[in-house]
Every structure is written in structure tokens, then in C-alpha cells.
Amino acid sequence: AMGALSHYVLSFPEERAVLVREQASSLYDVPPYFFAKILGEIPFSLHQPLIILLMVYWTVPLAPTVGAFFIQFAAMILAYQAGAAYALLVGAFITDRESLI
């Protein structure tokens, strides 16, 4: 999961100039940008937790019910989104992409 989150860390330094320009124009501030970015990328970040859960769920003796499966899937999505938010925070402290690589 952390390999997929490197996209979030690497994307913010490229978007920093746009965010600063929009913030200087008083169009929006950092919290709306942050939440819009996280919520906007949810549909694109569902596949990796689902693939991992499909591989692991039945190999580990978890409850074999549909309800339990979807509760576990929701927990994995929340953990993935928390990791994405943390990766964006780390990316916000980096000023150029070359220092990340």
C-alpha cells in the first residue's frame, strides 16, 4: 500500500504552484483543497485494497459472511485514505520533486 501512496507524496510538489496561486487569488484555502483531493481520488484508490482483501480474506480465518467482508473492506479503505492523507502531508513539506527521489 505504501508503494501506491508514493503517488500522493510526489504529486503535491507539482501542484504547489497552482495551490499558491489560487490561494493568493482568494479562490480557496488549503483545507478545501486537501479534502477535495482526498475525496476526489477515492474512486481511483478502491482497487488496491479490494485486491489485497480478496487475496487475504479467505486465507485468514475471518468471518465468512458478506457483511463482515464489507466491514473489513470499509476499514481497509479508511486505512488507505489515512495513509494517503499522511502522504500528502509529507509531500507538502517537500519543495521539489528531486529531493524526494
Foldseek 3Di string as FASTA:
>chain_A
DVVVLVCLLLPCLVCVVVQVVCVVVVNDHDVVVLVCVLVVCLVVPLPPLVVVCVVVVVVDPDDPDPVVSVVVSVVSSVVVSVSNSVSNVNSVVDNDNVVVD
